N, C-alpha and C. Protein backbone atom coordinates (compact mmCIF):
# COMPACT_ATOMS: atom_id res chain seq x y z
N MET A 1 29.97 -8.28 -12.40
CA MET A 1 28.53 -8.13 -12.37
C MET A 1 28.17 -6.67 -12.14
N ILE A 2 27.25 -6.14 -12.93
CA ILE A 2 26.81 -4.77 -12.79
C ILE A 2 25.62 -4.72 -11.83
N VAL A 3 25.72 -3.88 -10.81
CA VAL A 3 24.63 -3.72 -9.86
C VAL A 3 23.80 -2.52 -10.29
N MET A 4 22.51 -2.75 -10.53
CA MET A 4 21.65 -1.67 -10.98
C MET A 4 20.86 -1.12 -9.80
N ALA A 5 20.64 0.18 -9.82
CA ALA A 5 19.81 0.80 -8.78
C ALA A 5 18.37 0.34 -8.96
N ILE A 6 17.69 0.13 -7.86
CA ILE A 6 16.28 -0.25 -7.91
C ILE A 6 15.45 1.01 -7.80
N GLU A 7 14.52 1.18 -8.74
CA GLU A 7 13.67 2.36 -8.80
C GLU A 7 12.20 1.97 -8.80
N GLU A 8 11.34 2.95 -8.53
CA GLU A 8 9.89 2.71 -8.59
C GLU A 8 9.51 2.16 -9.95
N LEU A 9 8.59 1.23 -9.95
CA LEU A 9 8.03 0.54 -11.12
C LEU A 9 8.93 -0.54 -11.70
N ASP A 10 10.13 -0.74 -11.12
CA ASP A 10 10.98 -1.84 -11.56
C ASP A 10 10.32 -3.17 -11.19
N THR A 11 10.56 -4.18 -12.00
CA THR A 11 10.15 -5.53 -11.65
C THR A 11 11.36 -6.19 -10.99
N VAL A 12 11.12 -6.81 -9.84
CA VAL A 12 12.19 -7.46 -9.10
C VAL A 12 11.79 -8.89 -8.76
N ALA A 13 12.79 -9.71 -8.48
CA ALA A 13 12.56 -11.10 -8.07
C ALA A 13 13.06 -11.28 -6.64
N LEU A 14 12.27 -11.99 -5.84
CA LEU A 14 12.71 -12.30 -4.48
C LEU A 14 13.93 -13.20 -4.52
N THR A 15 14.84 -13.00 -3.58
CA THR A 15 16.02 -13.86 -3.49
C THR A 15 15.88 -14.90 -2.38
N GLU A 16 14.80 -14.79 -1.60
CA GLU A 16 14.53 -15.79 -0.55
C GLU A 16 13.03 -15.87 -0.31
N ASP A 17 12.60 -16.97 0.28
CA ASP A 17 11.18 -17.17 0.58
C ASP A 17 10.69 -16.17 1.64
N VAL A 18 9.41 -15.81 1.53
CA VAL A 18 8.72 -15.01 2.55
C VAL A 18 7.45 -15.78 2.90
N PRO A 19 7.58 -16.83 3.72
CA PRO A 19 6.46 -17.74 4.00
C PRO A 19 5.23 -17.06 4.59
N ALA A 20 5.41 -16.02 5.37
CA ALA A 20 4.26 -15.34 5.99
C ALA A 20 3.30 -14.78 4.95
N HIS A 21 3.79 -14.58 3.72
CA HIS A 21 2.94 -14.03 2.66
C HIS A 21 2.75 -15.01 1.51
N GLY A 22 3.19 -16.26 1.70
CA GLY A 22 3.04 -17.27 0.65
C GLY A 22 3.95 -17.05 -0.54
N LEU A 23 5.04 -16.32 -0.35
CA LEU A 23 5.96 -16.00 -1.45
C LEU A 23 7.20 -16.88 -1.40
N LYS A 24 7.75 -17.16 -2.58
CA LYS A 24 8.95 -17.98 -2.70
C LYS A 24 10.01 -17.26 -3.50
N ALA A 25 11.27 -17.62 -3.24
CA ALA A 25 12.38 -17.06 -4.01
C ALA A 25 12.06 -17.20 -5.50
N GLY A 26 12.29 -16.15 -6.25
CA GLY A 26 12.01 -16.15 -7.68
C GLY A 26 10.69 -15.50 -8.04
N ASP A 27 9.77 -15.34 -7.07
CA ASP A 27 8.51 -14.66 -7.35
C ASP A 27 8.79 -13.22 -7.76
N LEU A 28 8.02 -12.73 -8.72
CA LEU A 28 8.20 -11.38 -9.25
C LEU A 28 7.26 -10.39 -8.59
N GLY A 29 7.75 -9.18 -8.36
CA GLY A 29 6.94 -8.12 -7.80
C GLY A 29 7.29 -6.79 -8.45
N ALA A 30 6.43 -5.81 -8.25
CA ALA A 30 6.66 -4.47 -8.79
C ALA A 30 6.98 -3.52 -7.63
N VAL A 31 8.05 -2.77 -7.79
CA VAL A 31 8.44 -1.79 -6.77
C VAL A 31 7.47 -0.62 -6.84
N VAL A 32 6.79 -0.34 -5.74
CA VAL A 32 5.83 0.77 -5.71
C VAL A 32 6.36 1.97 -4.95
N ALA A 33 7.41 1.79 -4.15
CA ALA A 33 8.03 2.92 -3.45
C ALA A 33 9.45 2.54 -3.05
N VAL A 34 10.31 3.54 -3.08
CA VAL A 34 11.70 3.38 -2.63
C VAL A 34 11.88 4.30 -1.45
N TYR A 35 12.34 3.73 -0.33
CA TYR A 35 12.50 4.48 0.91
C TYR A 35 13.97 4.63 1.26
N PRO A 36 14.27 5.56 2.19
CA PRO A 36 15.65 5.66 2.68
C PRO A 36 16.03 4.36 3.41
N ALA A 37 17.28 4.24 3.72
CA ALA A 37 17.79 3.10 4.49
C ALA A 37 17.67 1.79 3.71
N HIS A 38 17.72 1.84 2.39
CA HIS A 38 17.76 0.65 1.55
C HIS A 38 16.53 -0.24 1.67
N THR A 39 15.36 0.36 1.84
CA THR A 39 14.13 -0.43 1.87
C THR A 39 13.22 -0.01 0.73
N ILE A 40 12.39 -0.95 0.31
CA ILE A 40 11.46 -0.72 -0.79
C ILE A 40 10.12 -1.36 -0.45
N GLU A 41 9.07 -0.83 -1.06
CA GLU A 41 7.73 -1.42 -0.96
C GLU A 41 7.49 -2.15 -2.27
N VAL A 42 7.12 -3.43 -2.18
CA VAL A 42 6.95 -4.26 -3.38
C VAL A 42 5.57 -4.90 -3.35
N GLU A 43 4.88 -4.86 -4.49
CA GLU A 43 3.58 -5.51 -4.63
C GLU A 43 3.75 -6.78 -5.44
N PHE A 44 3.23 -7.87 -4.90
CA PHE A 44 3.23 -9.16 -5.58
C PHE A 44 1.79 -9.50 -5.92
N VAL A 45 1.54 -9.84 -7.18
CA VAL A 45 0.17 -10.13 -7.62
C VAL A 45 0.09 -11.52 -8.23
N THR A 46 -1.13 -12.08 -8.18
CA THR A 46 -1.38 -13.36 -8.84
C THR A 46 -1.53 -13.11 -10.34
N ALA A 47 -1.55 -14.19 -11.11
CA ALA A 47 -1.69 -14.07 -12.56
C ALA A 47 -3.00 -13.40 -12.96
N SER A 48 -4.02 -13.49 -12.09
CA SER A 48 -5.31 -12.86 -12.39
C SER A 48 -5.36 -11.40 -11.95
N GLY A 49 -4.26 -10.91 -11.35
CA GLY A 49 -4.19 -9.49 -11.00
C GLY A 49 -4.56 -9.14 -9.57
N HIS A 50 -4.83 -10.14 -8.73
CA HIS A 50 -5.15 -9.87 -7.33
C HIS A 50 -3.87 -9.73 -6.51
N THR A 51 -3.83 -8.73 -5.64
CA THR A 51 -2.65 -8.52 -4.81
C THR A 51 -2.51 -9.66 -3.81
N GLN A 52 -1.37 -10.32 -3.84
CA GLN A 52 -1.05 -11.38 -2.88
C GLN A 52 -0.38 -10.76 -1.65
N ALA A 53 0.49 -9.78 -1.88
CA ALA A 53 1.20 -9.15 -0.77
C ALA A 53 1.70 -7.78 -1.21
N LEU A 54 1.68 -6.86 -0.28
CA LEU A 54 2.29 -5.54 -0.44
C LEU A 54 3.17 -5.37 0.79
N ILE A 55 4.48 -5.54 0.60
CA ILE A 55 5.36 -5.61 1.76
C ILE A 55 6.60 -4.74 1.59
N THR A 56 7.11 -4.30 2.72
CA THR A 56 8.35 -3.54 2.76
C THR A 56 9.50 -4.52 2.94
N LEU A 57 10.49 -4.41 2.08
CA LEU A 57 11.63 -5.32 2.10
C LEU A 57 12.94 -4.55 2.05
N SER A 58 13.97 -5.14 2.58
CA SER A 58 15.32 -4.62 2.39
C SER A 58 15.70 -4.90 0.94
N LYS A 59 16.44 -3.98 0.32
CA LYS A 59 16.82 -4.17 -1.08
C LYS A 59 17.63 -5.44 -1.30
N ASP A 60 18.28 -5.95 -0.26
CA ASP A 60 19.08 -7.17 -0.44
C ASP A 60 18.22 -8.43 -0.49
N LYS A 61 16.91 -8.30 -0.34
CA LYS A 61 15.99 -9.44 -0.41
C LYS A 61 15.43 -9.64 -1.82
N VAL A 62 15.81 -8.74 -2.75
CA VAL A 62 15.34 -8.82 -4.13
C VAL A 62 16.51 -8.58 -5.08
N ARG A 63 16.27 -8.90 -6.34
CA ARG A 63 17.24 -8.55 -7.39
C ARG A 63 16.48 -8.08 -8.62
N THR A 64 17.12 -7.26 -9.40
CA THR A 64 16.50 -6.83 -10.65
C THR A 64 16.50 -8.01 -11.61
N ILE A 65 15.61 -7.96 -12.59
CA ILE A 65 15.57 -9.03 -13.58
C ILE A 65 16.17 -8.51 -14.88
N GLY A 66 16.61 -9.45 -15.71
CA GLY A 66 17.26 -9.06 -16.94
C GLY A 66 16.95 -10.00 -18.08
N ALA A 67 17.63 -9.77 -19.19
CA ALA A 67 17.39 -10.53 -20.42
C ALA A 67 17.71 -12.01 -20.27
N GLU A 68 18.54 -12.37 -19.31
CA GLU A 68 18.92 -13.77 -19.13
C GLU A 68 17.94 -14.54 -18.25
N ASP A 69 16.93 -13.85 -17.73
CA ASP A 69 15.92 -14.50 -16.87
C ASP A 69 14.77 -15.04 -17.71
N ILE A 70 14.16 -16.12 -17.23
CA ILE A 70 12.98 -16.69 -17.87
C ILE A 70 11.85 -16.72 -16.84
N LEU A 71 10.65 -16.42 -17.27
CA LEU A 71 9.51 -16.40 -16.35
C LEU A 71 8.93 -17.80 -16.19
N SER A 72 8.31 -18.01 -15.05
CA SER A 72 7.71 -19.30 -14.73
C SER A 72 6.42 -19.04 -13.95
N VAL A 73 5.58 -20.07 -13.85
CA VAL A 73 4.34 -19.97 -13.11
C VAL A 73 4.30 -21.10 -12.10
N ARG A 74 3.79 -20.81 -10.89
CA ARG A 74 3.61 -21.84 -9.88
C ARG A 74 2.26 -21.61 -9.22
N ARG A 75 1.71 -22.64 -8.65
CA ARG A 75 0.45 -22.53 -7.91
C ARG A 75 0.72 -21.92 -6.55
N LEU A 76 -0.15 -21.03 -6.15
CA LEU A 76 -0.05 -20.38 -4.86
C LEU A 76 -0.54 -21.34 -3.79
N THR A 77 0.25 -21.50 -2.75
CA THR A 77 -0.16 -22.32 -1.62
C THR A 77 -0.52 -21.40 -0.47
N ALA A 78 -1.38 -21.84 0.40
CA ALA A 78 -1.82 -21.02 1.52
C ALA A 78 -0.65 -20.66 2.41
N ALA A 79 -0.65 -19.40 2.88
CA ALA A 79 0.43 -18.92 3.75
C ALA A 79 0.27 -19.49 5.14
């Protein structure tokens, strides 16, 4: 498996739920900043474009997406 570096503006998928923000594993977000110590700032938005969460995560909580991934839609539940 090839591990790709995560950079600003990359689309990433959560690898685990973040219940405090109503997020689930597989939700997609956009990397808005890359910080030292393996942390990143990721914005998660609803299909209508409203920000659901802007959170700092360890890089091991997300993965890059690729050609073998398929997108899906789910209803947002209250956090």
